């Protein structure tokens, strides 16, 4: 029974990492709506596991981690120049289309102001001061003004973006919390 549980957790973790960081984006420099995703590439160096010698370096862009197009949706709504009601209506349509919710963006539109983003040290503090996964997720979302993205079908995944462009984020799902950016990723909880 214990081996079965470990196997399930391992498979879940692999799926989580695959969804968040491995699957390449289909998008190129434009999303499906013709909005340019202009991000400067970041060079990512990969070291050999047995030595500190760099074995490869590659340029990564934000669209490389925007597998499901969530960043593109948020950018699309941010650039929309309509009334608050029109923006909320468009957001609701896109949430239905993407089977996702963008709580933070909705709150910013409703309040008509930017909400301060959490920083990594604050996230680590929430984790250190709270022991239960569900409580940590709830508190992080409240402190952040809502999840930047909440998605999943049967398994709930929550993303909190530490940067406006989504290139630095916290991914929560399957009882685990990960930090990820264009240059690094690691488990926090």
N, C-alpha and C. Protein backbone atom coordinates (compact mmCIF):
# COMPACT_ATOMS: atom_id res chain seq x y z
N UNK A 1 0.83 -1.20 0.00
CA UNK A 1 0.00 0.00 0.00
C UNK A 1 0.87 1.26 0.00
N UNK A 2 1.94 1.22 0.81
CA UNK A 2 2.83 2.37 0.88
C UNK A 2 3.53 2.59 -0.46
N UNK A 3 3.93 1.50 -1.12
CA UNK A 3 4.59 1.61 -2.42
C UNK A 3 3.64 2.19 -3.45
N UNK A 4 2.36 1.82 -3.37
CA UNK A 4 1.34 2.33 -4.30
C UNK A 4 1.18 3.84 -4.11
N UNK A 5 1.19 4.29 -2.85
CA UNK A 5 1.06 5.71 -2.55
C UNK A 5 2.26 6.49 -3.08
N UNK A 6 3.46 5.95 -2.87
CA UNK A 6 4.68 6.59 -3.37
C UNK A 6 4.64 6.67 -4.89
N UNK A 7 4.20 5.61 -5.54
CA UNK A 7 4.10 5.59 -6.99
C UNK A 7 3.12 6.65 -7.48
N UNK A 8 1.96 6.75 -6.83
CA UNK A 8 0.95 7.75 -7.21
C UNK A 8 1.50 9.17 -7.04
N UNK A 9 2.19 9.40 -5.95
CA UNK A 9 2.76 10.74 -5.71
C UNK A 9 3.83 11.04 -6.76
N UNK A 10 4.65 10.06 -7.09
CA UNK A 10 5.70 10.25 -8.09
C UNK A 10 5.11 10.55 -9.46
N UNK A 11 4.09 9.80 -9.85
CA UNK A 11 3.43 10.04 -11.13
C UNK A 11 2.76 11.40 -11.14
N UNK A 12 2.11 11.77 -10.05
CA UNK A 12 1.48 13.08 -9.95
C UNK A 12 2.49 14.20 -10.05
N UNK A 13 3.62 14.04 -9.38
CA UNK A 13 4.68 15.04 -9.43
C UNK A 13 5.23 15.16 -10.85
N UNK A 14 5.43 14.04 -11.50
CA UNK A 14 5.92 14.07 -12.88
C UNK A 14 4.93 14.79 -13.79
N UNK A 15 3.65 14.51 -13.61
CA UNK A 15 2.62 15.17 -14.41
C UNK A 15 2.61 16.67 -14.14
N UNK A 16 2.73 17.05 -12.89
CA UNK A 16 2.75 18.46 -12.51
C UNK A 16 3.93 19.18 -13.16
N UNK A 17 5.10 18.59 -13.10
CA UNK A 17 6.28 19.20 -13.71
C UNK A 17 6.15 19.24 -15.22
N UNK A 18 5.58 18.21 -15.80
CA UNK A 18 5.38 18.18 -17.24
C UNK A 18 4.47 19.31 -17.68
N UNK A 19 3.35 19.46 -16.97
CA UNK A 19 2.39 20.51 -17.30
C UNK A 19 2.99 21.89 -17.12
N UNK A 20 3.76 22.08 -16.06
CA UNK A 20 4.24 23.42 -15.73
C UNK A 20 5.50 23.84 -16.47
N UNK A 21 6.42 22.92 -16.71
CA UNK A 21 7.72 23.37 -17.17
C UNK A 21 8.30 22.66 -18.39
N UNK A 22 7.79 21.52 -18.76
CA UNK A 22 8.46 20.74 -19.79
C UNK A 22 7.80 20.85 -21.16
N UNK A 23 6.48 20.79 -21.20
CA UNK A 23 5.78 20.80 -22.48
C UNK A 23 6.07 22.10 -23.20
N UNK A 24 6.62 22.06 -24.40
CA UNK A 24 6.93 23.31 -25.09
C UNK A 24 5.68 24.01 -25.58
N UNK A 25 5.75 25.29 -25.63
CA UNK A 25 4.62 26.09 -26.10
C UNK A 25 4.50 25.99 -27.61
N UNK A 26 3.29 26.01 -28.08
CA UNK A 26 3.05 25.98 -29.52
C UNK A 26 3.18 27.39 -30.08
N UNK A 27 3.04 28.36 -29.22
CA UNK A 27 3.07 29.75 -29.67
C UNK A 27 4.46 30.15 -30.11
N UNK A 28 4.50 31.04 -31.11
CA UNK A 28 5.77 31.65 -31.46
C UNK A 28 5.75 33.07 -30.93
N UNK A 29 6.12 34.05 -31.67
CA UNK A 29 6.15 35.41 -31.14
C UNK A 29 4.79 36.09 -31.11
N UNK A 30 3.75 35.46 -31.62
CA UNK A 30 2.41 36.02 -31.58
C UNK A 30 1.48 34.95 -31.02
N UNK A 31 0.48 35.41 -30.26
CA UNK A 31 -0.51 34.44 -29.82
C UNK A 31 -1.59 34.32 -30.89
N UNK A 32 -2.61 33.52 -30.63
CA UNK A 32 -3.64 33.27 -31.64
C UNK A 32 -4.46 34.52 -31.98
N UNK A 33 -4.40 35.53 -31.13
CA UNK A 33 -5.16 36.75 -31.38
C UNK A 33 -4.30 37.82 -32.03
N UNK A 34 -3.07 37.49 -32.38
CA UNK A 34 -2.20 38.45 -33.04
C UNK A 34 -1.53 39.42 -32.09
N UNK A 35 -1.54 39.14 -30.80
CA UNK A 35 -0.89 40.03 -29.84
C UNK A 35 0.55 39.57 -29.67
N UNK A 36 1.47 40.49 -29.85
CA UNK A 36 2.89 40.14 -29.76
C UNK A 36 3.25 39.81 -28.32
N UNK A 37 3.98 38.74 -28.17
CA UNK A 37 4.53 38.37 -26.88
C UNK A 37 6.00 38.72 -26.94
N UNK A 38 6.33 39.92 -26.52
CA UNK A 38 7.70 40.40 -26.67
C UNK A 38 8.46 40.18 -25.39
N UNK A 39 9.24 39.15 -25.36
CA UNK A 39 10.08 38.90 -24.21
C UNK A 39 11.49 38.63 -24.69
N UNK A 40 12.42 39.22 -24.01
CA UNK A 40 13.81 38.98 -24.36
C UNK A 40 14.18 37.58 -23.90
N UNK A 41 14.95 36.87 -24.71
CA UNK A 41 15.33 35.52 -24.30
C UNK A 41 16.25 35.56 -23.09
N UNK A 42 16.12 34.53 -22.26
CA UNK A 42 16.98 34.36 -21.12
C UNK A 42 17.80 33.11 -21.39
N UNK A 43 19.10 33.18 -21.21
CA UNK A 43 19.94 32.02 -21.45
C UNK A 43 19.89 31.12 -20.23
N UNK A 44 19.61 29.85 -20.47
CA UNK A 44 19.54 28.86 -19.42
C UNK A 44 20.70 27.90 -19.62
N UNK A 45 21.56 27.80 -18.62
CA UNK A 45 22.71 26.89 -18.72
C UNK A 45 22.39 25.60 -18.00
N UNK A 46 22.72 24.49 -18.61
CA UNK A 46 22.50 23.18 -18.01
C UNK A 46 23.85 22.59 -17.67
N UNK A 47 24.02 22.21 -16.42
CA UNK A 47 25.30 21.64 -15.99
C UNK A 47 25.22 20.12 -16.00
N UNK A 48 26.36 19.50 -16.22
CA UNK A 48 26.46 18.04 -16.17
C UNK A 48 26.17 17.59 -14.75
N UNK A 49 25.44 16.47 -14.56
CA UNK A 49 25.12 16.03 -13.19
C UNK A 49 26.35 15.62 -12.39
N UNK A 50 27.43 15.26 -13.04
CA UNK A 50 28.62 14.81 -12.32
C UNK A 50 29.67 15.89 -12.12
N UNK A 51 29.50 17.02 -12.79
CA UNK A 51 30.46 18.10 -12.61
C UNK A 51 29.75 19.43 -12.80
N UNK A 52 30.44 20.50 -12.51
CA UNK A 52 29.85 21.83 -12.68
C UNK A 52 30.04 22.34 -14.09
N UNK A 53 30.53 21.51 -14.98
CA UNK A 53 30.78 21.91 -16.35
C UNK A 53 29.46 22.12 -17.10
N UNK A 54 29.34 23.24 -17.77
CA UNK A 54 28.13 23.54 -18.54
C UNK A 54 28.14 22.69 -19.80
N UNK A 55 27.05 21.93 -20.00
CA UNK A 55 26.99 21.06 -21.16
C UNK A 55 26.10 21.63 -22.26
N UNK A 56 25.23 22.56 -21.92
CA UNK A 56 24.42 23.21 -22.96
C UNK A 56 23.87 24.52 -22.43
N UNK A 57 23.59 25.41 -23.34
CA UNK A 57 22.96 26.68 -22.99
C UNK A 57 21.94 26.97 -24.07
N UNK A 58 20.77 27.38 -23.65
CA UNK A 58 19.71 27.66 -24.62
C UNK A 58 18.95 28.90 -24.21
N UNK A 59 18.39 29.58 -25.19
CA UNK A 59 17.60 30.78 -24.91
C UNK A 59 16.16 30.37 -24.64
N UNK A 60 15.58 30.89 -23.59
CA UNK A 60 14.19 30.63 -23.25
C UNK A 60 13.43 31.95 -23.29
N UNK A 61 12.19 31.88 -23.71
CA UNK A 61 11.31 33.04 -23.72
C UNK A 61 10.07 32.71 -22.91
N UNK A 62 9.33 33.74 -22.57
CA UNK A 62 8.13 33.55 -21.77
C UNK A 62 7.16 32.59 -22.46
N UNK A 63 7.01 32.71 -23.76
CA UNK A 63 6.07 31.82 -24.45
C UNK A 63 6.48 30.36 -24.35
N UNK A 64 7.77 30.09 -24.02
CA UNK A 64 8.21 28.71 -23.82
C UNK A 64 7.58 28.09 -22.58
N UNK A 65 7.22 28.90 -21.60
CA UNK A 65 6.58 28.39 -20.39
C UNK A 65 5.08 28.66 -20.37
N UNK A 66 4.56 29.31 -21.39
CA UNK A 66 3.12 29.62 -21.48
C UNK A 66 2.40 28.53 -22.27
N UNK A 67 2.55 27.31 -21.81
CA UNK A 67 2.05 26.14 -22.51
C UNK A 67 0.57 26.25 -22.84
N UNK A 68 -0.23 26.72 -21.92
CA UNK A 68 -1.67 26.76 -22.11
C UNK A 68 -2.19 28.12 -22.54
N UNK A 69 -1.30 29.07 -22.76
CA UNK A 69 -1.69 30.38 -23.24
C UNK A 69 -2.30 31.29 -22.19
N UNK A 70 -2.06 31.01 -20.91
CA UNK A 70 -2.63 31.84 -19.85
C UNK A 70 -2.05 33.25 -19.85
N UNK A 71 -0.76 33.37 -20.07
CA UNK A 71 -0.12 34.69 -20.10
C UNK A 71 -0.70 35.51 -21.24
N UNK A 72 -0.90 34.87 -22.39
CA UNK A 72 -1.48 35.56 -23.54
C UNK A 72 -2.89 36.06 -23.25
N UNK A 73 -3.69 35.27 -22.54
CA UNK A 73 -5.05 35.69 -22.19
C UNK A 73 -5.01 36.91 -21.28
N UNK A 74 -4.16 36.87 -20.26
CA UNK A 74 -4.06 38.01 -19.33
C UNK A 74 -3.59 39.25 -20.08
N UNK A 75 -2.61 39.12 -20.95
CA UNK A 75 -2.13 40.27 -21.73
C UNK A 75 -3.24 40.80 -22.64
N UNK A 76 -4.01 39.92 -23.21
CA UNK A 76 -5.10 40.33 -24.10
C UNK A 76 -6.12 41.17 -23.33
N UNK A 77 -6.51 40.73 -22.15
CA UNK A 77 -7.47 41.49 -21.34
C UNK A 77 -6.87 42.81 -20.88
N UNK A 78 -5.61 42.81 -20.49
CA UNK A 78 -4.96 44.05 -20.03
C UNK A 78 -4.92 45.10 -21.12
N UNK A 79 -4.80 44.68 -22.38
CA UNK A 79 -4.72 45.64 -23.47
C UNK A 79 -6.10 46.03 -24.01
N UNK A 80 -7.15 45.37 -23.56
CA UNK A 80 -8.49 45.67 -24.03
C UNK A 80 -8.94 47.03 -23.48
N UNK A 81 -9.41 47.90 -24.36
CA UNK A 81 -9.78 49.25 -23.93
C UNK A 81 -11.30 49.42 -23.97
N UNK A 82 -11.95 48.87 -22.99
CA UNK A 82 -13.39 48.99 -22.88
C UNK A 82 -13.76 49.41 -21.48
N UNK A 83 -15.04 49.41 -21.21
CA UNK A 83 -15.51 49.72 -19.86
C UNK A 83 -15.22 48.54 -18.95
N UNK A 84 -15.37 48.76 -17.67
CA UNK A 84 -15.15 47.71 -16.69
C UNK A 84 -16.06 46.51 -16.99
N UNK A 85 -17.30 46.78 -17.30
CA UNK A 85 -18.26 45.71 -17.59
C UNK A 85 -17.88 44.94 -18.86
N UNK A 86 -17.39 45.67 -19.87
CA UNK A 86 -16.97 45.01 -21.11
C UNK A 86 -15.74 44.12 -20.86
N UNK A 87 -14.81 44.62 -20.07
CA UNK A 87 -13.63 43.82 -19.74
C UNK A 87 -14.02 42.56 -18.97
N UNK A 88 -14.91 42.71 -17.99
CA UNK A 88 -15.36 41.56 -17.20
C UNK A 88 -16.09 40.55 -18.07
N UNK A 89 -16.88 41.05 -19.01
CA UNK A 89 -17.60 40.17 -19.92
C UNK A 89 -16.62 39.40 -20.81
N UNK A 90 -15.64 40.09 -21.34
CA UNK A 90 -14.62 39.45 -22.18
C UNK A 90 -13.82 38.44 -21.37
N UNK A 91 -13.48 38.80 -20.14
CA UNK A 91 -12.75 37.89 -19.26
C UNK A 91 -13.57 36.63 -19.00
N UNK A 92 -14.85 36.79 -18.71
CA UNK A 92 -15.73 35.63 -18.47
C UNK A 92 -15.77 34.71 -19.69
N UNK A 93 -15.83 35.31 -20.88
CA UNK A 93 -15.83 34.52 -22.12
C UNK A 93 -14.53 33.73 -22.25
N UNK A 94 -13.39 34.40 -22.01
CA UNK A 94 -12.10 33.73 -22.14
C UNK A 94 -11.89 32.67 -21.06
N UNK A 95 -12.42 32.92 -19.85
CA UNK A 95 -12.34 31.91 -18.79
C UNK A 95 -13.10 30.65 -19.20
N UNK A 96 -14.25 30.82 -19.80
CA UNK A 96 -15.03 29.68 -20.27
C UNK A 96 -14.28 28.97 -21.40
N UNK A 97 -13.73 29.74 -22.31
CA UNK A 97 -12.99 29.18 -23.45
C UNK A 97 -11.76 28.40 -22.99
N UNK A 98 -11.07 28.89 -21.98
CA UNK A 98 -9.84 28.26 -21.49
C UNK A 98 -10.08 27.27 -20.35
N UNK A 99 -11.32 27.16 -19.85
CA UNK A 99 -11.63 26.32 -18.69
C UNK A 99 -10.71 26.66 -17.52
N UNK A 100 -10.52 27.93 -17.31
CA UNK A 100 -9.63 28.44 -16.26
C UNK A 100 -10.27 29.67 -15.64
N UNK A 101 -9.76 30.06 -14.48
CA UNK A 101 -10.21 31.33 -13.91
C UNK A 101 -8.99 32.19 -13.61
N UNK A 102 -9.18 33.48 -13.77
CA UNK A 102 -8.13 34.47 -13.57
C UNK A 102 -8.60 35.42 -12.48
N UNK A 103 -8.56 34.93 -11.24
CA UNK A 103 -9.14 35.65 -10.09
C UNK A 103 -8.46 37.00 -9.86
N UNK A 104 -7.16 37.03 -9.91
CA UNK A 104 -6.43 38.28 -9.64
C UNK A 104 -6.78 39.35 -10.67
N UNK A 105 -6.79 38.97 -11.95
CA UNK A 105 -7.13 39.91 -13.01
C UNK A 105 -8.57 40.42 -12.83
N UNK A 106 -9.48 39.51 -12.48
CA UNK A 106 -10.87 39.91 -12.23
C UNK A 106 -10.93 40.93 -11.10
N UNK A 107 -10.20 40.68 -10.01
CA UNK A 107 -10.19 41.61 -8.87
C UNK A 107 -9.61 42.96 -9.27
N UNK A 108 -8.55 42.97 -10.08
CA UNK A 108 -7.97 44.24 -10.53
C UNK A 108 -8.94 45.02 -11.40
N UNK A 109 -9.67 44.33 -12.26
CA UNK A 109 -10.65 45.01 -13.12
C UNK A 109 -11.78 45.57 -12.26
N UNK A 110 -12.28 44.76 -11.33
CA UNK A 110 -13.39 45.22 -10.47
C UNK A 110 -12.99 46.39 -9.59
N UNK A 111 -11.77 46.35 -9.04
CA UNK A 111 -11.29 47.43 -8.16
C UNK A 111 -10.70 48.60 -8.94
N UNK A 112 -10.49 48.40 -10.24
CA UNK A 112 -9.91 49.41 -11.12
C UNK A 112 -8.57 49.93 -10.61
N UNK A 113 -7.74 49.00 -10.10
CA UNK A 113 -6.39 49.35 -9.66
C UNK A 113 -5.53 48.10 -9.63
N UNK A 114 -4.23 48.31 -9.73
CA UNK A 114 -3.27 47.21 -9.64
C UNK A 114 -3.18 46.73 -8.20
N UNK A 115 -3.01 45.44 -8.02
CA UNK A 115 -2.84 44.84 -6.70
C UNK A 115 -1.38 44.43 -6.57
N UNK A 116 -0.80 44.68 -5.41
CA UNK A 116 0.61 44.36 -5.16
C UNK A 116 0.81 42.84 -5.26
N UNK A 117 1.87 42.45 -5.94
CA UNK A 117 2.22 41.04 -6.09
C UNK A 117 3.07 40.58 -4.91
N UNK A 118 2.93 39.31 -4.56
CA UNK A 118 3.80 38.71 -3.56
C UNK A 118 5.21 38.57 -4.13
N UNK A 119 6.18 38.49 -3.25
CA UNK A 119 7.55 38.19 -3.66
C UNK A 119 7.92 36.83 -3.06
N UNK A 120 8.96 36.23 -3.58
CA UNK A 120 9.33 34.88 -3.18
C UNK A 120 9.56 34.75 -1.69
N UNK A 121 10.19 35.71 -1.07
CA UNK A 121 10.45 35.63 0.38
C UNK A 121 9.14 35.61 1.17
N UNK A 122 8.12 36.32 0.71
CA UNK A 122 6.82 36.30 1.38
C UNK A 122 6.16 34.93 1.22
N UNK A 123 6.29 34.34 0.05
CA UNK A 123 5.73 33.00 -0.19
C UNK A 123 6.39 32.00 0.76
N UNK A 124 7.72 32.07 0.86
CA UNK A 124 8.45 31.16 1.75
C UNK A 124 8.02 31.35 3.20
N UNK A 125 7.74 32.59 3.59
CA UNK A 125 7.28 32.87 4.95
C UNK A 125 5.91 32.26 5.21
N UNK A 126 4.98 32.38 4.25
CA UNK A 126 3.67 31.74 4.40
C UNK A 126 3.82 30.23 4.58
N UNK A 127 4.69 29.62 3.81
CA UNK A 127 4.89 28.17 3.88
C UNK A 127 5.49 27.79 5.23
N UNK A 128 6.47 28.56 5.70
CA UNK A 128 7.13 28.27 6.97
C UNK A 128 6.18 28.41 8.16
N UNK A 129 5.22 29.34 8.07
CA UNK A 129 4.33 29.62 9.19
C UNK A 129 3.03 28.83 9.16
N UNK A 130 2.81 28.02 8.14
CA UNK A 130 1.57 27.24 8.03
C UNK A 130 1.93 25.83 7.60
N UNK A 131 1.33 24.86 8.26
CA UNK A 131 1.71 23.49 8.00
C UNK A 131 0.88 22.75 6.98
N UNK A 132 -0.34 23.17 6.76
CA UNK A 132 -1.24 22.41 5.89
C UNK A 132 -1.31 23.03 4.49
N UNK A 133 -1.19 22.19 3.48
CA UNK A 133 -1.18 22.61 2.08
C UNK A 133 -2.39 23.48 1.72
N UNK A 134 -3.59 23.01 2.02
CA UNK A 134 -4.80 23.76 1.63
C UNK A 134 -4.85 25.14 2.28
N UNK A 135 -4.39 25.24 3.51
CA UNK A 135 -4.36 26.53 4.21
C UNK A 135 -3.33 27.46 3.57
N UNK A 136 -2.19 26.92 3.19
CA UNK A 136 -1.15 27.72 2.53
C UNK A 136 -1.68 28.29 1.21
N UNK A 137 -2.32 27.43 0.40
CA UNK A 137 -2.85 27.88 -0.89
C UNK A 137 -3.88 28.98 -0.68
N UNK A 138 -4.78 28.78 0.27
CA UNK A 138 -5.82 29.77 0.55
C UNK A 138 -5.20 31.11 0.99
N UNK A 139 -4.26 31.07 1.91
CA UNK A 139 -3.63 32.30 2.40
C UNK A 139 -2.81 33.00 1.32
N UNK A 140 -2.08 32.23 0.51
CA UNK A 140 -1.31 32.84 -0.57
C UNK A 140 -2.22 33.54 -1.58
N UNK A 141 -3.33 32.89 -1.93
CA UNK A 141 -4.26 33.50 -2.89
C UNK A 141 -4.89 34.77 -2.32
N UNK A 142 -5.26 34.74 -1.05
CA UNK A 142 -5.83 35.93 -0.42
C UNK A 142 -4.83 37.07 -0.38
N UNK A 143 -3.59 36.78 0.01
CA UNK A 143 -2.57 37.82 0.12
C UNK A 143 -2.17 38.37 -1.24
N UNK A 144 -2.32 37.57 -2.28
CA UNK A 144 -1.90 37.95 -3.63
C UNK A 144 -3.02 38.65 -4.41
N UNK A 145 -4.21 38.69 -3.84
CA UNK A 145 -5.34 39.30 -4.56
C UNK A 145 -6.03 38.31 -5.48
N UNK A 146 -5.83 37.03 -5.23
CA UNK A 146 -6.42 35.97 -6.05
C UNK A 146 -5.34 35.26 -6.86
N UNK A 147 -5.68 34.06 -7.28
CA UNK A 147 -4.74 33.30 -8.12
C UNK A 147 -4.67 33.95 -9.49
N UNK A 148 -3.48 34.01 -10.06
CA UNK A 148 -3.36 34.51 -11.43
C UNK A 148 -4.06 33.55 -12.37
N UNK A 149 -3.91 32.25 -12.13
CA UNK A 149 -4.58 31.23 -12.94
C UNK A 149 -4.97 30.08 -12.04
N UNK A 150 -6.19 29.61 -12.20
CA UNK A 150 -6.67 28.40 -11.53
C UNK A 150 -7.25 27.53 -12.64
N UNK A 151 -6.70 26.33 -12.80
CA UNK A 151 -7.14 25.47 -13.89
C UNK A 151 -7.04 24.01 -13.48
N UNK A 152 -7.54 23.15 -14.32
CA UNK A 152 -7.46 21.72 -14.09
C UNK A 152 -8.81 21.07 -14.29
N UNK A 153 -8.77 19.81 -14.52
CA UNK A 153 -9.99 19.04 -14.72
C UNK A 153 -9.96 17.88 -13.74
N UNK A 154 -10.58 18.08 -12.60
CA UNK A 154 -10.55 17.07 -11.56
C UNK A 154 -9.43 17.28 -10.57
N UNK A 155 -8.31 17.78 -11.03
CA UNK A 155 -7.19 18.13 -10.16
C UNK A 155 -6.97 19.62 -10.33
N UNK A 156 -7.04 20.34 -9.22
CA UNK A 156 -6.95 21.79 -9.25
C UNK A 156 -5.50 22.24 -9.20
N UNK A 157 -5.09 23.05 -10.18
CA UNK A 157 -3.77 23.66 -10.19
C UNK A 157 -3.94 25.16 -10.03
N UNK A 158 -3.08 25.77 -9.25
CA UNK A 158 -3.14 27.20 -8.97
C UNK A 158 -1.78 27.80 -9.26
N UNK A 159 -1.78 28.91 -10.00
CA UNK A 159 -0.55 29.63 -10.27
C UNK A 159 -0.65 31.03 -9.68
N UNK A 160 0.41 31.43 -9.01
CA UNK A 160 0.58 32.81 -8.55
C UNK A 160 1.83 33.31 -9.25
N UNK A 161 1.67 34.39 -10.00
CA UNK A 161 2.79 34.95 -10.74
C UNK A 161 3.48 36.00 -9.87
N UNK A 162 4.76 35.83 -9.68
CA UNK A 162 5.53 36.80 -8.91
C UNK A 162 5.99 37.95 -9.77
N UNK A 163 5.91 37.78 -11.09
CA UNK A 163 6.25 38.84 -12.03
C UNK A 163 5.03 39.13 -12.90
N UNK A 164 4.91 40.34 -13.38
CA UNK A 164 3.76 40.74 -14.21
C UNK A 164 3.62 39.88 -15.45
N UNK A 165 4.74 39.48 -16.03
CA UNK A 165 4.69 38.74 -17.28
C UNK A 165 4.57 37.23 -17.09
N UNK A 166 4.47 36.75 -15.86
CA UNK A 166 4.28 35.33 -15.61
C UNK A 166 5.54 34.49 -15.76
N UNK A 167 6.68 35.13 -15.94
CA UNK A 167 7.92 34.38 -16.13
C UNK A 167 8.49 33.83 -14.82
N UNK A 168 8.00 34.33 -13.69
CA UNK A 168 8.39 33.84 -12.38
C UNK A 168 7.09 33.51 -11.65
N UNK A 169 6.94 32.26 -11.22
CA UNK A 169 5.64 31.86 -10.68
C UNK A 169 5.75 30.80 -9.60
N UNK A 170 4.66 30.69 -8.85
CA UNK A 170 4.48 29.62 -7.88
C UNK A 170 3.38 28.73 -8.45
N UNK A 171 3.63 27.44 -8.56
CA UNK A 171 2.64 26.48 -9.05
C UNK A 171 2.27 25.56 -7.92
N UNK A 172 0.98 25.45 -7.66
CA UNK A 172 0.48 24.61 -6.57
C UNK A 172 -0.49 23.58 -7.13
N UNK A 173 -0.28 22.35 -6.76
CA UNK A 173 -1.16 21.28 -7.20
C UNK A 173 -0.71 19.96 -6.61
N UNK A 174 -1.65 19.05 -6.45
CA UNK A 174 -1.36 17.72 -5.92
C UNK A 174 -0.65 17.78 -4.56
N UNK A 175 -0.99 18.79 -3.75
CA UNK A 175 -0.42 18.91 -2.42
C UNK A 175 1.03 19.37 -2.40
N UNK A 176 1.50 19.89 -3.52
CA UNK A 176 2.89 20.33 -3.60
C UNK A 176 2.96 21.76 -4.13
N UNK A 177 4.00 22.47 -3.76
CA UNK A 177 4.19 23.86 -4.17
C UNK A 177 5.58 24.00 -4.78
N UNK A 178 5.62 24.56 -5.99
CA UNK A 178 6.87 24.73 -6.71
C UNK A 178 7.07 26.19 -7.09
N UNK A 179 8.33 26.59 -7.08
CA UNK A 179 8.74 27.87 -7.63
C UNK A 179 9.31 27.58 -9.00
N UNK A 180 8.98 28.39 -9.99
CA UNK A 180 9.55 28.20 -11.31
C UNK A 180 9.77 29.53 -12.00
N UNK A 181 10.86 29.61 -12.75
CA UNK A 181 11.15 30.77 -13.56
C UNK A 181 11.77 30.28 -14.86
N UNK A 182 12.19 31.19 -15.70
CA UNK A 182 12.82 30.79 -16.94
C UNK A 182 14.18 30.16 -16.71
N UNK A 183 14.77 30.38 -15.55
CA UNK A 183 16.12 29.88 -15.30
C UNK A 183 16.22 28.81 -14.22
N UNK A 184 15.18 28.63 -13.41
CA UNK A 184 15.26 27.63 -12.36
C UNK A 184 13.87 27.20 -11.88
N UNK A 185 13.83 26.05 -11.24
CA UNK A 185 12.62 25.59 -10.60
C UNK A 185 12.98 24.66 -9.46
N UNK A 186 12.22 24.72 -8.38
CA UNK A 186 12.45 23.84 -7.26
C UNK A 186 11.21 23.77 -6.38
N UNK A 187 11.15 22.72 -5.60
CA UNK A 187 10.01 22.48 -4.73
C UNK A 187 10.15 23.29 -3.45
N UNK A 188 9.04 23.94 -3.06
CA UNK A 188 9.01 24.71 -1.82
C UNK A 188 8.29 23.97 -0.70
N UNK A 189 7.31 23.13 -1.06
CA UNK A 189 6.49 22.42 -0.06
C UNK A 189 6.12 21.08 -0.61
